[in-house]
């Protein structure tokens, strides 16, 4: 055991001297999420404010006289001398925001209590155009409906035979927690992988290139002790990267202004000691799995560049399952709980929402431990082959 600890101490010191590892495992995880959250918050609020204040240019064809009262000229610029073809071209060319065309029989249809047709052209890439003008149409339609009800001596109840009341009883914390919990694991899984990748390449392939691994093998220690010390060191960096990702999120939520209160409440549930321990109970075997898997590949490489080409495609093992776990409709059950990495993404979602099933959670942790053991054994078999270790 003392030999393993000595190897771990040596490898950690060597790892902390590597700039690539420091960037991927410490600097990026700590800063990326706060920077992204701040940037997203500022950008979205700026865009929304700009779209709401923007004066839209619209063309109205065959406009009925009563519709003009719904157009606030301080918010909308009316463009004249426009026909249907020119209007569509102007919208595509961003010279016009929208075009409204009333059917020629519109006024008569209104008088006869029939359905009047209105055509509305716009580009969905102009974010606020549809919502703003739809609000005008709704107001216009509501007033026409009120006039018809009065003229026919009816009540609104006649037109609404059913009143459907919807009650979403899912707590706000659970709703937001499912969303936030779906995004969070994507980051700490990726950084866990990156945190394991660079030290693994340096401590194994890098030592092969430098010739120092041959010297290390001459010390009175078993190959398993040397390898296990390396794998533990690599996994510790991956764990640190994941932990700093979570820390960065917590700091961002405390520092960045204008974050919705419900979102803050959902995330604060995750930073309780109980849930932090549950997250790390998954992160630790995940890091060991990544460390063992990457080490097994790095041992086979003869150069750092070759090792990168072998390991980089494996990053999809981390990215794809985590991304699938973010998709709506993918829920944690006995089947998904046994799918590596996806199960972490789904479990984190449930943990943040406060709805985790402990049976599913136990299966996830157990499956991750099994995968970690398999990866370490695979790595040791590669490390035991003389031709793999020495260039």
Protein backbone atom coordinates (compact mmCIF):
# COMPACT_ATOMS: atom_id res chain seq x y z
CA UNK A 1 0.00 0.00 0.00
CA UNK A 2 2.88 2.37 0.83
CA UNK A 3 4.31 1.73 -2.65
CA UNK A 4 1.02 2.71 -4.28
CA UNK A 5 0.85 5.88 -2.18
CA UNK A 6 4.42 6.75 -3.16
CA UNK A 7 3.56 6.31 -6.84
CA UNK A 8 0.41 8.43 -6.42
CA UNK A 9 2.41 11.21 -4.74
CA UNK A 10 5.02 11.18 -7.53
CA UNK A 11 2.43 11.16 -10.31
CA UNK A 12 0.31 13.93 -8.78
CA UNK A 13 3.38 16.17 -8.52
CA UNK A 14 4.29 15.42 -12.15
CA UNK A 15 0.69 16.04 -13.25
CA UNK A 16 0.47 19.43 -11.56
CA UNK A 17 3.55 20.50 -13.51
CA UNK A 18 1.80 19.86 -16.83
CA UNK A 19 0.11 22.98 -18.24
CA UNK A 20 -2.34 21.04 -20.40
CA UNK A 21 -3.61 19.15 -17.38
CA UNK A 22 -3.93 22.31 -15.31
CA UNK A 23 -5.96 23.97 -18.07
CA UNK A 24 -8.26 20.99 -18.77
CA UNK A 25 -8.72 19.81 -15.17
CA UNK A 26 -8.65 23.00 -13.10
CA UNK A 27 -8.94 26.26 -15.05
CA UNK A 28 -11.60 25.28 -17.62
CA UNK A 29 -13.97 23.42 -15.24
CA UNK A 30 -13.82 26.25 -12.70
CA UNK A 31 -14.34 29.13 -15.12
CA UNK A 32 -16.30 27.75 -18.07
CA UNK A 33 -19.74 27.35 -16.47
CA UNK A 34 -19.72 30.76 -14.70
CA UNK A 35 -18.60 32.43 -17.94
CA UNK A 36 -21.22 30.55 -19.99
CA UNK A 37 -24.03 31.31 -17.51
CA UNK A 38 -23.09 34.97 -17.31
CA UNK A 39 -22.76 35.28 -21.08
CA UNK A 40 -26.04 33.47 -21.72
CA UNK A 41 -27.88 35.53 -19.12
CA UNK A 42 -26.60 38.82 -20.53
CA UNK A 43 -27.07 37.84 -24.16
CA UNK A 44 -30.62 36.53 -23.72
CA UNK A 45 -31.77 39.58 -21.73
CA UNK A 46 -30.19 41.92 -24.32
CA UNK A 47 -31.82 40.09 -27.25
CA UNK A 48 -35.24 39.98 -25.58
CA UNK A 49 -35.11 43.67 -24.69
CA UNK A 50 -33.96 44.60 -28.20
CA UNK A 51 -36.71 42.57 -29.87
CA UNK A 52 -39.40 44.08 -27.63
CA UNK A 53 -38.26 47.65 -28.29
CA UNK A 54 -37.63 47.22 -32.01
CA UNK A 55 -39.97 49.19 -34.28
CA UNK A 56 -41.30 46.66 -36.74
CA UNK A 57 -41.87 47.48 -40.40
CA UNK A 58 -45.11 45.93 -41.62
CA UNK A 59 -47.19 46.13 -44.78
CA UNK A 60 -50.97 45.73 -44.61
CA UNK A 61 -52.90 44.90 -47.78
CA UNK A 62 -56.67 45.56 -48.06
CA UNK A 63 -56.70 46.87 -44.52
CA UNK A 64 -60.21 47.29 -43.02
CA UNK A 65 -60.74 50.69 -41.47
CA UNK A 66 -61.39 49.35 -37.96
CA UNK A 67 -58.05 47.45 -37.88
CA UNK A 68 -55.95 50.63 -37.90
CA UNK A 69 -56.91 51.33 -34.28
CA UNK A 70 -54.97 48.23 -33.20
CA UNK A 71 -51.69 49.40 -34.74
CA UNK A 72 -49.57 51.55 -32.43
CA UNK A 73 -47.52 53.70 -34.83
CA UNK A 74 -44.88 54.25 -32.12
CA UNK A 75 -44.11 50.52 -32.25
CA UNK A 76 -44.88 49.73 -35.89
CA UNK A 77 -43.90 51.44 -39.12
CA UNK A 78 -46.51 50.99 -41.85
CA UNK A 79 -45.03 50.43 -45.31
CA UNK A 80 -47.21 51.46 -48.25
CA UNK A 81 -46.98 50.79 -52.01
CA UNK A 82 -46.46 47.08 -51.45
CA UNK A 83 -48.03 44.13 -53.23
CA UNK A 84 -47.91 40.48 -52.25
CA UNK A 85 -44.91 39.51 -54.37
CA UNK A 86 -42.84 42.54 -53.44
CA UNK A 87 -43.77 42.06 -49.79
CA UNK A 88 -42.54 38.46 -49.67
CA UNK A 89 -39.28 39.47 -51.37
CA UNK A 90 -38.85 42.35 -48.91
CA UNK A 91 -39.33 40.01 -45.94
CA UNK A 92 -36.77 37.55 -47.32
CA UNK A 93 -34.37 40.46 -47.86
CA UNK A 94 -34.96 41.76 -44.30
CA UNK A 95 -36.34 45.06 -45.64
CA UNK A 96 -39.74 44.23 -44.14
CA UNK A 97 -40.57 42.41 -40.91
CA UNK A 98 -44.04 41.18 -41.80
CA UNK A 99 -46.93 41.50 -44.22
CA UNK A 100 -50.64 41.16 -43.46
CA UNK A 101 -53.16 40.62 -46.21
CA UNK A 102 -56.92 40.78 -45.59
CA UNK A 103 -59.16 38.93 -48.02
CA UNK A 104 -61.12 41.24 -50.35
CA UNK A 105 -64.36 39.86 -48.95
CA UNK A 106 -63.22 40.50 -45.38
CA UNK A 107 -65.65 43.31 -44.55
CA UNK A 108 -68.62 41.42 -45.98
CA UNK A 109 -67.66 38.26 -44.11
CA UNK A 110 -67.58 40.24 -40.87
CA UNK A 111 -71.02 41.75 -41.58
CA UNK A 112 -72.47 38.32 -42.46
CA UNK A 113 -71.02 36.72 -39.32
CA UNK A 114 -68.84 34.45 -41.41
CA UNK A 115 -65.18 33.50 -41.10
CA UNK A 116 -62.93 36.15 -42.57
CA UNK A 117 -59.50 35.17 -43.91
CA UNK A 118 -56.30 36.97 -43.01
CA UNK A 119 -52.88 35.98 -44.37
CA UNK A 120 -49.75 36.69 -42.37
CA UNK A 121 -46.20 36.46 -43.76
CA UNK A 122 -43.07 36.64 -41.61
CA UNK A 123 -39.72 34.95 -40.98
CA UNK A 124 -39.54 32.75 -37.87
CA UNK A 125 -35.90 33.76 -37.47
CA UNK A 126 -37.14 37.23 -36.45
CA UNK A 127 -37.86 36.22 -32.88
CA UNK A 128 -40.55 38.63 -31.68
CA UNK A 129 -42.48 39.32 -34.91
CA UNK A 130 -44.91 36.42 -34.67
CA UNK A 131 -45.70 36.92 -30.97
CA UNK A 132 -46.19 40.68 -31.20
CA UNK A 133 -48.47 40.61 -34.25
CA UNK A 134 -50.36 37.53 -33.06
CA UNK A 135 -51.26 39.54 -29.96
CA UNK A 136 -52.80 42.22 -32.23
CA UNK A 137 -54.79 39.59 -34.16
CA UNK A 138 -56.06 38.11 -30.89
CA UNK A 139 -57.28 41.49 -29.67
CA UNK A 140 -58.96 42.20 -33.03
CA UNK A 141 -60.64 38.79 -33.11
CA UNK A 142 -61.80 39.14 -29.50
CA UNK A 143 -63.50 42.47 -30.24
CA UNK A 144 -65.21 41.09 -33.38
CA UNK A 145 -66.44 38.14 -31.35
CA UNK A 146 -67.84 40.43 -28.65
CA UNK A 147 -69.72 42.43 -31.30
CA UNK A 148 -71.25 39.27 -32.77
CA UNK A 149 -72.31 37.99 -29.36
CA UNK A 150 -74.07 41.27 -28.64
CA UNK A 151 -75.76 41.45 -32.05
CA UNK A 152 -77.06 37.88 -31.73
CA UNK A 153 -78.11 38.37 -28.12
CA UNK A 154 -75.95 35.50 -26.98
CA UNK A 155 -73.61 34.99 -24.07
CA UNK A 156 -70.02 33.83 -24.19
CA UNK A 157 -71.01 30.69 -22.31
CA UNK A 158 -72.87 29.50 -25.43
CA UNK A 159 -69.58 29.49 -27.32
CA UNK A 160 -67.69 27.73 -24.53
CA UNK A 161 -69.53 24.49 -23.72
CA UNK A 162 -66.50 23.11 -21.86
CA UNK A 163 -64.13 24.82 -19.46
CA UNK A 164 -60.95 22.82 -19.12
CA UNK A 165 -58.89 23.58 -16.03
CA UNK A 166 -55.33 22.26 -16.11
CA UNK A 167 -53.44 21.72 -12.87
CA UNK A 168 -49.75 20.92 -13.10
CA UNK A 169 -49.01 19.59 -9.63
CA UNK A 170 -45.32 18.94 -10.29
CA UNK A 171 -43.41 21.21 -7.88
CA UNK A 172 -41.58 24.08 -9.54
CA UNK A 173 -38.35 22.76 -8.06
CA UNK A 174 -38.91 19.42 -9.78
CA UNK A 175 -39.73 21.02 -13.15
CA UNK A 176 -36.66 23.24 -13.17
CA UNK A 177 -34.54 20.56 -11.52
CA UNK A 178 -35.22 18.17 -14.41
CA UNK A 179 -34.04 20.84 -16.86
CA UNK A 180 -30.97 21.97 -14.92
CA UNK A 181 -30.09 18.41 -13.95
CA UNK A 182 -30.11 17.40 -17.60
CA UNK A 183 -27.52 20.03 -18.54
CA UNK A 184 -25.21 19.77 -15.52
CA UNK A 185 -23.98 16.16 -15.96
CA UNK A 186 -23.07 16.86 -19.58
CA UNK A 187 -20.42 19.29 -18.32
CA UNK A 188 -18.97 17.32 -15.44
CA UNK A 189 -18.84 14.07 -17.48
CA UNK A 190 -16.95 15.83 -20.28
CA UNK A 191 -14.53 17.49 -17.86
CA UNK A 192 -14.10 14.23 -15.97
CA UNK A 193 -13.04 12.60 -19.24
CA UNK A 194 -10.73 15.49 -20.17
CA UNK A 195 -9.30 15.55 -16.65
CA UNK A 196 -8.39 11.87 -17.03
CA UNK A 197 -7.19 12.05 -20.62
CA UNK A 198 -4.30 14.51 -20.43
CA UNK A 199 -2.60 13.11 -17.31
CA UNK A 200 -3.04 9.56 -18.66
CA UNK A 201 -1.30 10.49 -21.90
CA UNK A 202 1.50 12.25 -20.02
CA UNK A 203 2.02 9.71 -17.23
CA UNK A 204 2.01 6.68 -19.51
CA UNK A 205 2.74 7.52 -23.16
CA UNK A 206 4.77 10.58 -22.15
CA UNK A 207 6.97 8.48 -19.87
CA UNK A 208 7.44 5.93 -22.66
CA UNK A 209 8.59 8.72 -24.99
CA UNK A 210 10.95 10.17 -22.37
CA UNK A 211 12.27 6.71 -21.39
CA UNK A 212 11.55 7.31 -17.69
CA UNK A 213 9.05 4.45 -17.43
CA UNK A 214 11.91 1.95 -17.81
CA UNK A 215 13.64 3.48 -14.79
CA UNK A 216 10.39 3.33 -12.83
CA UNK A 217 10.03 -0.39 -13.56
CA UNK A 218 13.43 -1.09 -11.97
CA UNK A 219 12.24 -0.03 -8.49
CA UNK A 220 11.28 -2.80 -6.03
CA UNK A 221 7.54 -2.54 -6.70
CA UNK A 222 5.12 -4.76 -8.60
CA UNK A 223 3.79 -3.63 -11.94
CA UNK A 224 0.30 -3.68 -10.49
CA UNK A 225 1.34 -1.24 -7.73
CA UNK A 226 2.91 1.09 -10.30
CA UNK A 227 -0.05 0.93 -12.66
CA UNK A 228 -2.65 1.21 -9.90
CA UNK A 229 -0.84 4.25 -8.50
CA UNK A 230 -0.92 5.84 -11.95
CA UNK A 231 -4.60 5.01 -12.48
CA UNK A 232 -5.54 6.42 -9.06
CA UNK A 233 -3.59 9.61 -9.81
CA UNK A 234 -5.33 9.98 -13.17
CA UNK A 235 -8.74 9.34 -11.60
CA UNK A 236 -8.06 11.94 -8.87
CA UNK A 237 -7.52 14.59 -11.53
CA UNK A 238 -10.80 13.55 -13.20
CA UNK A 239 -12.62 13.74 -9.87
CA UNK A 240 -11.11 17.18 -9.22
CA UNK A 241 -12.25 18.38 -12.66
CA UNK A 242 -15.82 17.22 -11.99
CA UNK A 243 -15.82 18.71 -8.50
CA UNK A 244 -14.57 22.06 -9.78
CA UNK A 245 -17.30 22.03 -12.43
CA UNK A 246 -19.93 21.71 -9.71
CA UNK A 247 -18.13 24.35 -7.62
CA UNK A 248 -18.05 26.69 -10.61
CA UNK A 249 -21.82 26.29 -11.01
CA UNK A 250 -22.46 27.05 -7.34
CA UNK A 251 -20.24 30.14 -7.43
CA UNK A 252 -21.92 31.31 -10.65
CA UNK A 253 -25.36 31.05 -9.09
CA UNK A 254 -24.22 33.04 -6.07
CA UNK A 255 -22.46 35.78 -8.05
CA UNK A 256 -24.40 36.23 -11.30
CA UNK A 257 -27.42 38.55 -10.93
CA UNK A 258 -30.90 38.11 -12.40
CA UNK A 259 -31.01 34.31 -12.10
CA UNK A 260 -34.64 33.20 -11.56
CA UNK A 261 -35.49 32.38 -7.95
CA UNK A 262 -37.05 29.01 -8.87
CA UNK A 263 -33.88 28.00 -10.70
CA UNK A 264 -31.79 29.00 -7.69
CA UNK A 265 -34.03 26.93 -5.40
CA UNK A 266 -33.73 23.85 -7.61
CA UNK A 267 -29.94 24.05 -7.81
CA UNK A 268 -29.60 24.78 -4.08
CA UNK A 269 -31.19 21.38 -3.51
CA UNK A 270 -28.23 19.81 -5.31
CA UNK A 271 -25.57 21.52 -3.16
CA UNK A 272 -26.80 19.87 0.02
CA UNK A 273 -24.24 17.49 1.54
CA UNK A 274 -26.43 14.44 0.90
CA UNK A 275 -26.75 15.10 -2.83
CA UNK A 276 -23.10 16.13 -3.24
CA UNK A 277 -22.10 12.77 -1.75
CA UNK A 278 -24.51 10.98 -4.09
CA UNK A 279 -22.98 12.73 -7.09
CA UNK A 280 -19.43 11.88 -6.04
CA UNK A 281 -20.41 8.26 -5.41
CA UNK A 282 -21.02 8.13 -9.17
CA UNK A 283 -18.14 10.39 -10.22
CA UNK A 284 -15.46 8.36 -8.40
CA UNK A 285 -16.06 5.02 -10.20
CA UNK A 286 -16.67 6.93 -13.45
CA UNK A 287 -13.24 8.56 -13.11
CA UNK A 288 -11.65 5.17 -12.40
CA UNK A 289 -13.39 3.75 -15.47
CA UNK A 290 -12.11 6.59 -17.67
CA UNK A 291 -8.64 6.36 -16.12
CA UNK A 292 -8.41 2.60 -16.70
CA UNK A 293 -9.82 2.75 -20.22
CA UNK A 294 -7.63 5.64 -21.37
CA UNK A 295 -4.56 4.07 -19.73
CA UNK A 296 -5.16 0.81 -21.60
CA UNK A 297 -5.16 2.73 -24.88
CA UNK A 298 -2.27 5.04 -23.96
CA UNK A 299 -0.05 2.03 -23.17
CA UNK A 300 -0.44 0.83 -26.75
CA UNK A 301 0.76 4.13 -28.24
CA UNK A 302 4.43 4.81 -28.99
CA UNK A 303 4.12 8.61 -29.02
CA UNK A 304 1.99 11.33 -27.45
CA UNK A 305 0.51 12.19 -30.86
CA UNK A 306 -0.41 8.56 -31.53
CA UNK A 307 -2.00 8.30 -28.07
CA UNK A 308 -4.14 11.36 -28.78
CA UNK A 309 -5.37 9.82 -32.04
CA UNK A 310 -6.30 6.63 -30.17
CA UNK A 311 -8.02 8.29 -27.23
CA UNK A 312 -9.86 11.20 -28.89
CA UNK A 313 -12.50 9.00 -30.63
CA UNK A 314 -13.30 7.48 -27.22
CA UNK A 315 -14.57 10.91 -26.14
CA UNK A 316 -17.79 10.03 -27.99
CA UNK A 317 -18.32 7.37 -25.30
CA UNK A 318 -18.73 10.26 -22.91
CA UNK A 319 -20.45 12.79 -25.14
CA UNK A 320 -23.17 10.74 -26.85
CA UNK A 321 -24.72 8.94 -23.83
CA UNK A 322 -24.66 12.18 -21.83
CA UNK A 323 -26.34 14.04 -24.71
CA UNK A 324 -29.00 11.32 -25.07
CA UNK A 325 -29.69 11.62 -21.35
CA UNK A 326 -30.56 15.30 -21.88
CA UNK A 327 -33.27 14.47 -24.41
CA UNK A 328 -36.91 14.88 -23.30
CA UNK A 329 -38.78 11.64 -22.75
CA UNK A 330 -35.68 9.67 -21.70
CA UNK A 331 -36.40 8.69 -18.09
CA UNK A 332 -34.49 6.76 -15.45
CA UNK A 333 -35.75 3.19 -15.15
CA UNK A 334 -34.25 -0.25 -14.60
CA UNK A 335 -33.13 -0.41 -18.24
CA UNK A 336 -31.57 3.05 -18.56
CA UNK A 337 -30.00 2.70 -15.10
CA UNK A 338 -27.75 -0.02 -16.52
CA UNK A 339 -26.53 2.01 -19.53
CA UNK A 340 -23.12 3.54 -18.69
CA UNK A 341 -22.79 7.33 -18.57
CA UNK A 342 -26.39 7.87 -19.71
CA UNK A 343 -27.42 6.56 -16.30
CA UNK A 344 -25.31 9.26 -14.61
CA UNK A 345 -26.97 11.99 -16.69
CA UNK A 346 -30.44 10.67 -15.85
CA UNK A 347 -29.62 10.11 -12.17
CA UNK A 348 -28.25 13.66 -11.81
CA UNK A 349 -31.49 14.98 -13.29
CA UNK A 350 -33.46 13.07 -10.64
CA UNK A 351 -31.09 14.10 -7.84
CA UNK A 352 -31.43 17.81 -8.64
CA UNK A 353 -35.21 17.41 -8.92
CA UNK A 354 -35.27 15.51 -5.61
CA UNK A 355 -37.04 12.48 -7.15
CA UNK A 356 -34.23 9.89 -7.29
CA UNK A 357 -35.24 6.25 -6.77
CA UNK A 358 -32.65 4.67 -4.47
CA UNK A 359 -33.02 1.27 -6.16
CA UNK A 360 -32.09 2.78 -9.52
CA UNK A 361 -29.30 4.75 -7.87
CA UNK A 362 -27.82 1.64 -6.25
CA UNK A 363 -27.81 -0.17 -9.62
CA UNK A 364 -26.04 2.81 -11.24
CA UNK A 365 -23.28 2.94 -8.64
CA UNK A 366 -22.84 -0.85 -8.73
CA UNK A 367 -22.63 -0.91 -12.54
CA UNK A 368 -20.07 1.91 -12.52
CA UNK A 369 -17.92 0.07 -9.97
CA UNK A 370 -18.00 -3.07 -12.14
CA UNK A 371 -17.00 -1.03 -15.21
CA UNK A 372 -14.16 0.61 -13.26
CA UNK A 373 -12.82 -2.79 -12.18
CA UNK A 374 -13.00 -4.12 -15.75
CA UNK A 375 -11.17 -1.06 -17.08
CA UNK A 376 -8.40 -1.32 -14.47
CA UNK A 377 -7.95 -5.06 -15.15
CA UNK A 378 -7.80 -4.39 -18.89
CA UNK A 379 -5.22 -1.67 -18.32
CA UNK A 380 -3.12 -3.96 -16.10
CA UNK A 381 -3.10 -6.69 -18.74
CA UNK A 382 -1.75 -4.22 -21.28
CA UNK A 383 0.80 -2.89 -18.77
CA UNK A 384 2.01 -6.44 -18.02
CA UNK A 385 3.12 -6.96 -21.63
CA UNK A 386 6.77 -6.02 -22.04
CA UNK A 387 6.32 -4.96 -25.64
CA UNK A 388 3.60 -2.49 -24.68
CA UNK A 389 5.56 -0.75 -21.94
CA UNK A 390 8.95 -0.33 -23.58
CA UNK A 391 9.37 1.43 -26.94
